[in-house]
Amino acid sequence: MTWVVIAWCVLMAIWIISGLAAADSASNCAGEAYREACEAGSDVGTGIGVIALWFVWFFGFIALSLIWFMTRPKDRECPTCGERVKKGLTACPACNHDFAATARAPAVEGNPSA
């Protein structure tokens, strides 16, 4: 779910930046009788679009973050016995595997669990 939130933010950033970069009111209003008014209207439209995209990004980010927060696992698997152990416990109640000692131990080369 973390990658979904990151992808959402990147997608929205690209969308907002491309919307700002594509807004060229001078070329959109070439040949218009009221060129200044056309450019001003085009700039206002770009601003409204960017603000609307920002709100879509913000509320989407909030919704995805809540989903991520509510669905993350509340326990972990013991590497010794495979039992599910509640996060925060430093030892497995089934086999007494010490998570704190494992975290403090230096990594041994060739050991895939370290």
N, C-alpha and C. Protein backbone atom coordinates (compact mmCIF):
# COMPACT_ATOMS: atom_id res chain seq x y z
N MET A 1 0.82 -1.20 0.00
CA MET A 1 0.00 0.00 0.00
C MET A 1 0.86 1.26 0.00
N THR A 2 2.07 1.15 0.56
CA THR A 2 2.97 2.30 0.55
C THR A 2 3.28 2.73 -0.87
N TRP A 3 3.49 1.75 -1.74
CA TRP A 3 3.80 2.08 -3.14
C TRP A 3 2.61 2.72 -3.83
N VAL A 4 1.41 2.37 -3.45
CA VAL A 4 0.22 3.00 -4.04
C VAL A 4 0.17 4.48 -3.66
N VAL A 5 0.45 4.79 -2.41
CA VAL A 5 0.46 6.18 -1.95
C VAL A 5 1.56 6.97 -2.68
N ILE A 6 2.74 6.37 -2.80
CA ILE A 6 3.85 7.04 -3.50
C ILE A 6 3.49 7.24 -4.98
N ALA A 7 2.94 6.21 -5.62
CA ALA A 7 2.55 6.33 -7.03
C ALA A 7 1.49 7.41 -7.21
N TRP A 8 0.54 7.49 -6.29
CA TRP A 8 -0.49 8.53 -6.35
C TRP A 8 0.13 9.92 -6.31
N CYS A 9 1.06 10.12 -5.39
CA CYS A 9 1.70 11.43 -5.26
C CYS A 9 2.52 11.78 -6.50
N VAL A 10 3.23 10.82 -7.04
CA VAL A 10 4.03 11.07 -8.25
C VAL A 10 3.12 11.37 -9.44
N LEU A 11 2.06 10.58 -9.60
CA LEU A 11 1.12 10.82 -10.69
C LEU A 11 0.50 12.21 -10.61
N MET A 12 0.07 12.59 -9.42
CA MET A 12 -0.56 13.90 -9.27
C MET A 12 0.45 15.04 -9.49
N ALA A 13 1.69 14.85 -9.03
CA ALA A 13 2.72 15.87 -9.25
C ALA A 13 2.99 16.05 -10.73
N ILE A 14 3.08 14.94 -11.46
CA ILE A 14 3.30 15.02 -12.92
C ILE A 14 2.12 15.70 -13.59
N TRP A 15 0.92 15.37 -13.17
CA TRP A 15 -0.28 15.95 -13.76
C TRP A 15 -0.34 17.46 -13.52
N ILE A 16 -0.05 17.89 -12.30
CA ILE A 16 -0.08 19.31 -11.98
C ILE A 16 1.02 20.06 -12.74
N ILE A 17 2.23 19.51 -12.76
CA ILE A 17 3.34 20.17 -13.44
C ILE A 17 3.08 20.24 -14.95
N SER A 18 2.56 19.16 -15.53
CA SER A 18 2.28 19.20 -16.97
C SER A 18 1.14 20.16 -17.28
N GLY A 19 0.18 20.27 -16.37
CA GLY A 19 -0.90 21.24 -16.57
C GLY A 19 -0.39 22.68 -16.54
N LEU A 20 0.55 22.94 -15.65
CA LEU A 20 1.15 24.28 -15.60
C LEU A 20 2.02 24.54 -16.81
N ALA A 21 2.77 23.53 -17.25
CA ALA A 21 3.67 23.71 -18.39
C ALA A 21 2.91 23.87 -19.70
N ALA A 22 1.76 23.23 -19.82
CA ALA A 22 0.99 23.29 -21.06
C ALA A 22 0.18 24.57 -21.17
N ALA A 23 0.07 25.32 -20.11
CA ALA A 23 -0.73 26.55 -20.11
C ALA A 23 0.06 27.67 -20.77
N ASP A 24 -0.21 27.89 -22.05
CA ASP A 24 0.45 28.97 -22.79
C ASP A 24 -0.65 29.88 -23.32
N SER A 25 -1.01 30.85 -22.52
CA SER A 25 -2.14 31.70 -22.88
C SER A 25 -1.84 32.57 -24.09
N ALA A 26 -0.57 32.88 -24.36
CA ALA A 26 -0.23 33.72 -25.51
C ALA A 26 -0.55 33.00 -26.82
N SER A 27 -0.20 31.71 -26.93
CA SER A 27 -0.48 30.99 -28.18
C SER A 27 -1.95 30.60 -28.28
N ASN A 28 -2.61 30.39 -27.16
CA ASN A 28 -4.03 30.05 -27.19
C ASN A 28 -4.88 31.22 -27.65
N CYS A 29 -4.40 32.43 -27.41
CA CYS A 29 -5.20 33.62 -27.71
C CYS A 29 -4.70 34.40 -28.93
N ALA A 30 -3.82 33.79 -29.72
CA ALA A 30 -3.31 34.49 -30.90
C ALA A 30 -4.46 34.74 -31.88
N GLY A 31 -4.55 35.96 -32.35
CA GLY A 31 -5.58 36.34 -33.32
C GLY A 31 -6.91 36.70 -32.70
N GLU A 32 -7.03 36.71 -31.41
CA GLU A 32 -8.28 37.08 -30.76
C GLU A 32 -8.40 38.60 -30.72
N ALA A 33 -9.62 39.10 -30.82
CA ALA A 33 -9.86 40.54 -30.81
C ALA A 33 -9.54 41.12 -29.43
N TYR A 34 -9.92 40.45 -28.39
CA TYR A 34 -9.67 40.91 -27.02
C TYR A 34 -8.59 40.01 -26.41
N ARG A 35 -7.39 40.19 -26.92
CA ARG A 35 -6.28 39.30 -26.55
C ARG A 35 -5.97 39.35 -25.05
N GLU A 36 -5.93 40.52 -24.45
CA GLU A 36 -5.61 40.63 -23.02
C GLU A 36 -6.65 39.91 -22.17
N ALA A 37 -7.91 40.08 -22.52
CA ALA A 37 -8.98 39.42 -21.77
C ALA A 37 -8.90 37.90 -21.96
N CYS A 38 -8.56 37.48 -23.18
CA CYS A 38 -8.43 36.05 -23.44
C CYS A 38 -7.27 35.45 -22.64
N GLU A 39 -6.13 36.14 -22.60
CA GLU A 39 -4.99 35.65 -21.83
C GLU A 39 -5.30 35.61 -20.34
N ALA A 40 -5.98 36.63 -19.84
CA ALA A 40 -6.35 36.65 -18.43
C ALA A 40 -7.30 35.50 -18.11
N GLY A 41 -8.27 35.26 -18.98
CA GLY A 41 -9.21 34.15 -18.77
C GLY A 41 -8.50 32.81 -18.83
N SER A 42 -7.54 32.68 -19.75
CA SER A 42 -6.77 31.44 -19.85
C SER A 42 -5.94 31.20 -18.59
N ASP A 43 -5.33 32.25 -18.07
CA ASP A 43 -4.53 32.13 -16.85
C ASP A 43 -5.40 31.77 -15.64
N VAL A 44 -6.59 32.37 -15.57
CA VAL A 44 -7.51 32.06 -14.48
C VAL A 44 -7.96 30.60 -14.58
N GLY A 45 -8.25 30.16 -15.79
CA GLY A 45 -8.66 28.76 -16.00
C GLY A 45 -7.56 27.79 -15.60
N THR A 46 -6.31 28.13 -15.91
CA THR A 46 -5.18 27.30 -15.51
C THR A 46 -5.07 27.24 -13.99
N GLY A 47 -5.23 28.38 -13.34
CA GLY A 47 -5.17 28.42 -11.89
C GLY A 47 -6.27 27.60 -11.24
N ILE A 48 -7.47 27.69 -11.77
CA ILE A 48 -8.59 26.91 -11.23
C ILE A 48 -8.32 25.42 -11.42
N GLY A 49 -7.80 25.05 -12.60
CA GLY A 49 -7.50 23.65 -12.86
C GLY A 49 -6.44 23.10 -11.92
N VAL A 50 -5.38 23.88 -11.68
CA VAL A 50 -4.31 23.44 -10.78
C VAL A 50 -4.83 23.31 -9.36
N ILE A 51 -5.64 24.26 -8.92
CA ILE A 51 -6.21 24.18 -7.57
C ILE A 51 -7.13 22.97 -7.44
N ALA A 52 -7.93 22.70 -8.48
CA ALA A 52 -8.81 21.52 -8.45
C ALA A 52 -7.98 20.24 -8.38
N LEU A 53 -6.90 20.17 -9.16
CA LEU A 53 -6.02 18.99 -9.11
C LEU A 53 -5.37 18.85 -7.74
N TRP A 54 -5.00 19.97 -7.13
CA TRP A 54 -4.39 19.91 -5.80
C TRP A 54 -5.38 19.33 -4.79
N PHE A 55 -6.65 19.74 -4.87
CA PHE A 55 -7.66 19.19 -3.96
C PHE A 55 -7.88 17.70 -4.21
N VAL A 56 -7.90 17.29 -5.48
CA VAL A 56 -8.04 15.87 -5.81
C VAL A 56 -6.86 15.10 -5.22
N TRP A 57 -5.64 15.64 -5.39
CA TRP A 57 -4.45 15.00 -4.82
C TRP A 57 -4.58 14.90 -3.30
N PHE A 58 -4.93 15.98 -2.64
CA PHE A 58 -4.98 16.02 -1.18
C PHE A 58 -5.98 15.01 -0.62
N PHE A 59 -7.22 15.02 -1.15
CA PHE A 59 -8.23 14.12 -0.62
C PHE A 59 -7.94 12.67 -0.99
N GLY A 60 -7.36 12.44 -2.16
CA GLY A 60 -6.93 11.09 -2.52
C GLY A 60 -5.82 10.60 -1.61
N PHE A 61 -4.88 11.48 -1.28
CA PHE A 61 -3.79 11.14 -0.38
C PHE A 61 -4.33 10.79 1.01
N ILE A 62 -5.26 11.57 1.50
CA ILE A 62 -5.86 11.29 2.81
C ILE A 62 -6.57 9.94 2.80
N ALA A 63 -7.36 9.67 1.76
CA ALA A 63 -8.10 8.40 1.68
C ALA A 63 -7.13 7.23 1.59
N LEU A 64 -6.12 7.31 0.73
CA LEU A 64 -5.16 6.22 0.60
C LEU A 64 -4.34 6.03 1.87
N SER A 65 -4.01 7.12 2.54
CA SER A 65 -3.25 7.01 3.79
C SER A 65 -4.08 6.33 4.87
N LEU A 66 -5.36 6.64 4.95
CA LEU A 66 -6.23 5.97 5.92
C LEU A 66 -6.36 4.48 5.62
N ILE A 67 -6.49 4.15 4.33
CA ILE A 67 -6.56 2.74 3.95
C ILE A 67 -5.27 2.03 4.33
N TRP A 68 -4.13 2.67 4.05
CA TRP A 68 -2.82 2.09 4.39
C TRP A 68 -2.72 1.89 5.90
N PHE A 69 -3.12 2.89 6.66
CA PHE A 69 -3.01 2.82 8.11
C PHE A 69 -3.90 1.72 8.70
N MET A 70 -5.10 1.56 8.15
CA MET A 70 -6.05 0.59 8.70
C MET A 70 -5.74 -0.85 8.28
N THR A 71 -5.01 -1.06 7.18
CA THR A 71 -4.78 -2.41 6.68
C THR A 71 -3.39 -2.95 6.98
N ARG A 72 -2.53 -2.18 7.60
CA ARG A 72 -1.19 -2.69 7.87
C ARG A 72 -1.26 -3.78 8.94
N PRO A 73 -0.35 -4.75 8.86
CA PRO A 73 -0.40 -5.85 9.83
C PRO A 73 -0.07 -5.38 11.25
N LYS A 74 -0.73 -5.99 12.21
CA LYS A 74 -0.53 -5.62 13.60
C LYS A 74 0.33 -6.64 14.35
N ASP A 75 0.89 -7.58 13.59
CA ASP A 75 1.77 -8.57 14.19
C ASP A 75 2.86 -8.93 13.20
N ARG A 76 3.77 -9.78 13.62
CA ARG A 76 4.86 -10.23 12.77
C ARG A 76 5.07 -11.71 12.97
N GLU A 77 5.77 -12.32 12.04
CA GLU A 77 6.00 -13.75 12.10
C GLU A 77 7.32 -14.05 12.80
N CYS A 78 7.30 -14.99 13.71
CA CYS A 78 8.52 -15.42 14.39
C CYS A 78 9.37 -16.21 13.40
N PRO A 79 10.65 -15.84 13.24
CA PRO A 79 11.49 -16.55 12.28
C PRO A 79 11.84 -17.97 12.72
N THR A 80 11.68 -18.27 14.00
CA THR A 80 12.04 -19.59 14.51
C THR A 80 10.90 -20.59 14.38
N CYS A 81 9.72 -20.22 14.87
CA CYS A 81 8.61 -21.18 14.90
C CYS A 81 7.48 -20.85 13.93
N GLY A 82 7.45 -19.64 13.38
CA GLY A 82 6.42 -19.26 12.43
C GLY A 82 5.13 -18.75 13.04
N GLU A 83 5.07 -18.65 14.35
CA GLU A 83 3.88 -18.13 15.02
C GLU A 83 3.75 -16.63 14.77
N ARG A 84 2.50 -16.12 14.80
CA ARG A 84 2.26 -14.69 14.67
C ARG A 84 2.43 -14.06 16.05
N VAL A 85 3.31 -13.05 16.14
CA VAL A 85 3.62 -12.41 17.42
C VAL A 85 3.21 -10.95 17.32
N LYS A 86 2.51 -10.47 18.33
CA LYS A 86 2.05 -9.09 18.35
C LYS A 86 3.26 -8.16 18.35
N LYS A 87 3.17 -7.08 17.54
CA LYS A 87 4.26 -6.10 17.51
C LYS A 87 4.41 -5.47 18.88
N GLY A 88 5.65 -5.24 19.27
CA GLY A 88 5.94 -4.65 20.56
C GLY A 88 6.49 -5.67 21.54
N LEU A 89 6.15 -6.94 21.35
CA LEU A 89 6.72 -7.98 22.20
C LEU A 89 8.16 -8.24 21.77
N THR A 90 9.03 -8.44 22.72
CA THR A 90 10.44 -8.67 22.40
C THR A 90 10.80 -10.14 22.35
N ALA A 91 9.88 -11.01 22.76
CA ALA A 91 10.12 -12.46 22.71
C ALA A 91 8.86 -13.17 22.25
N CYS A 92 9.05 -14.25 21.50
CA CYS A 92 7.93 -15.06 21.03
C CYS A 92 7.38 -15.87 22.20
N PRO A 93 6.07 -15.82 22.46
CA PRO A 93 5.52 -16.58 23.58
C PRO A 93 5.57 -18.09 23.34
N ALA A 94 5.64 -18.54 22.09
CA ALA A 94 5.62 -19.97 21.79
C ALA A 94 7.01 -20.60 21.95
N CYS A 95 8.06 -19.94 21.43
CA CYS A 95 9.39 -20.56 21.43
C CYS A 95 10.44 -19.74 22.17
N ASN A 96 10.06 -18.59 22.70
CA ASN A 96 10.95 -17.68 23.42
C ASN A 96 12.07 -17.11 22.56
N HIS A 97 11.84 -17.02 21.24
CA HIS A 97 12.82 -16.37 20.36
C HIS A 97 12.92 -14.90 20.77
N ASP A 98 14.15 -14.39 20.96
CA ASP A 98 14.36 -13.02 21.41
C ASP A 98 14.57 -12.11 20.20
N PHE A 99 13.55 -11.29 19.87
CA PHE A 99 13.64 -10.38 18.73
C PHE A 99 14.68 -9.29 18.98
N ALA A 100 14.78 -8.82 20.21
CA ALA A 100 15.73 -7.75 20.55
C ALA A 100 17.17 -8.23 20.36
N ALA A 101 17.47 -9.45 20.77
CA ALA A 101 18.83 -9.98 20.60
C ALA A 101 19.16 -10.16 19.12
N THR A 102 18.19 -10.57 18.33
CA THR A 102 18.40 -10.72 16.89
C THR A 102 18.67 -9.38 16.25
N ALA A 103 17.99 -8.35 16.68
CA ALA A 103 18.19 -7.02 16.11
C ALA A 103 19.55 -6.45 16.49
N ARG A 104 20.06 -6.80 17.67
CA ARG A 104 21.36 -6.28 18.13
C ARG A 104 22.53 -7.06 17.54
N ALA A 105 22.31 -8.30 17.11
CA ALA A 105 23.39 -9.15 16.62
C ALA A 105 23.95 -8.59 15.32
N PRO A 106 25.28 -8.61 15.16
CA PRO A 106 25.87 -8.13 13.90
C PRO A 106 25.52 -9.09 12.76
N ALA A 107 25.42 -8.54 11.57
CA ALA A 107 25.08 -9.34 10.41
C ALA A 107 26.25 -10.26 10.06
N VAL A 108 25.94 -11.54 9.85
CA VAL A 108 26.94 -12.52 9.48
C VAL A 108 26.84 -12.74 7.98
N GLU A 109 27.97 -12.66 7.28
CA GLU A 109 27.95 -12.81 5.84
C GLU A 109 27.50 -14.21 5.47
N GLY A 110 26.60 -14.28 4.51
CA GLY A 110 26.06 -15.57 4.08
C GLY A 110 24.80 -15.96 4.83
N ASN A 111 24.40 -15.21 5.84
CA ASN A 111 23.20 -15.48 6.60
C ASN A 111 22.04 -14.71 5.97
N PRO A 112 21.08 -15.37 5.29
CA PRO A 112 20.01 -14.64 4.61
C PRO A 112 19.03 -13.97 5.55
N SER A 113 18.97 -14.37 6.82
CA SER A 113 18.01 -13.76 7.73
C SER A 113 18.56 -12.49 8.38
N ALA A 114 19.84 -12.21 8.23
CA ALA A 114 20.44 -11.03 8.86
C ALA A 114 20.39 -9.84 7.96
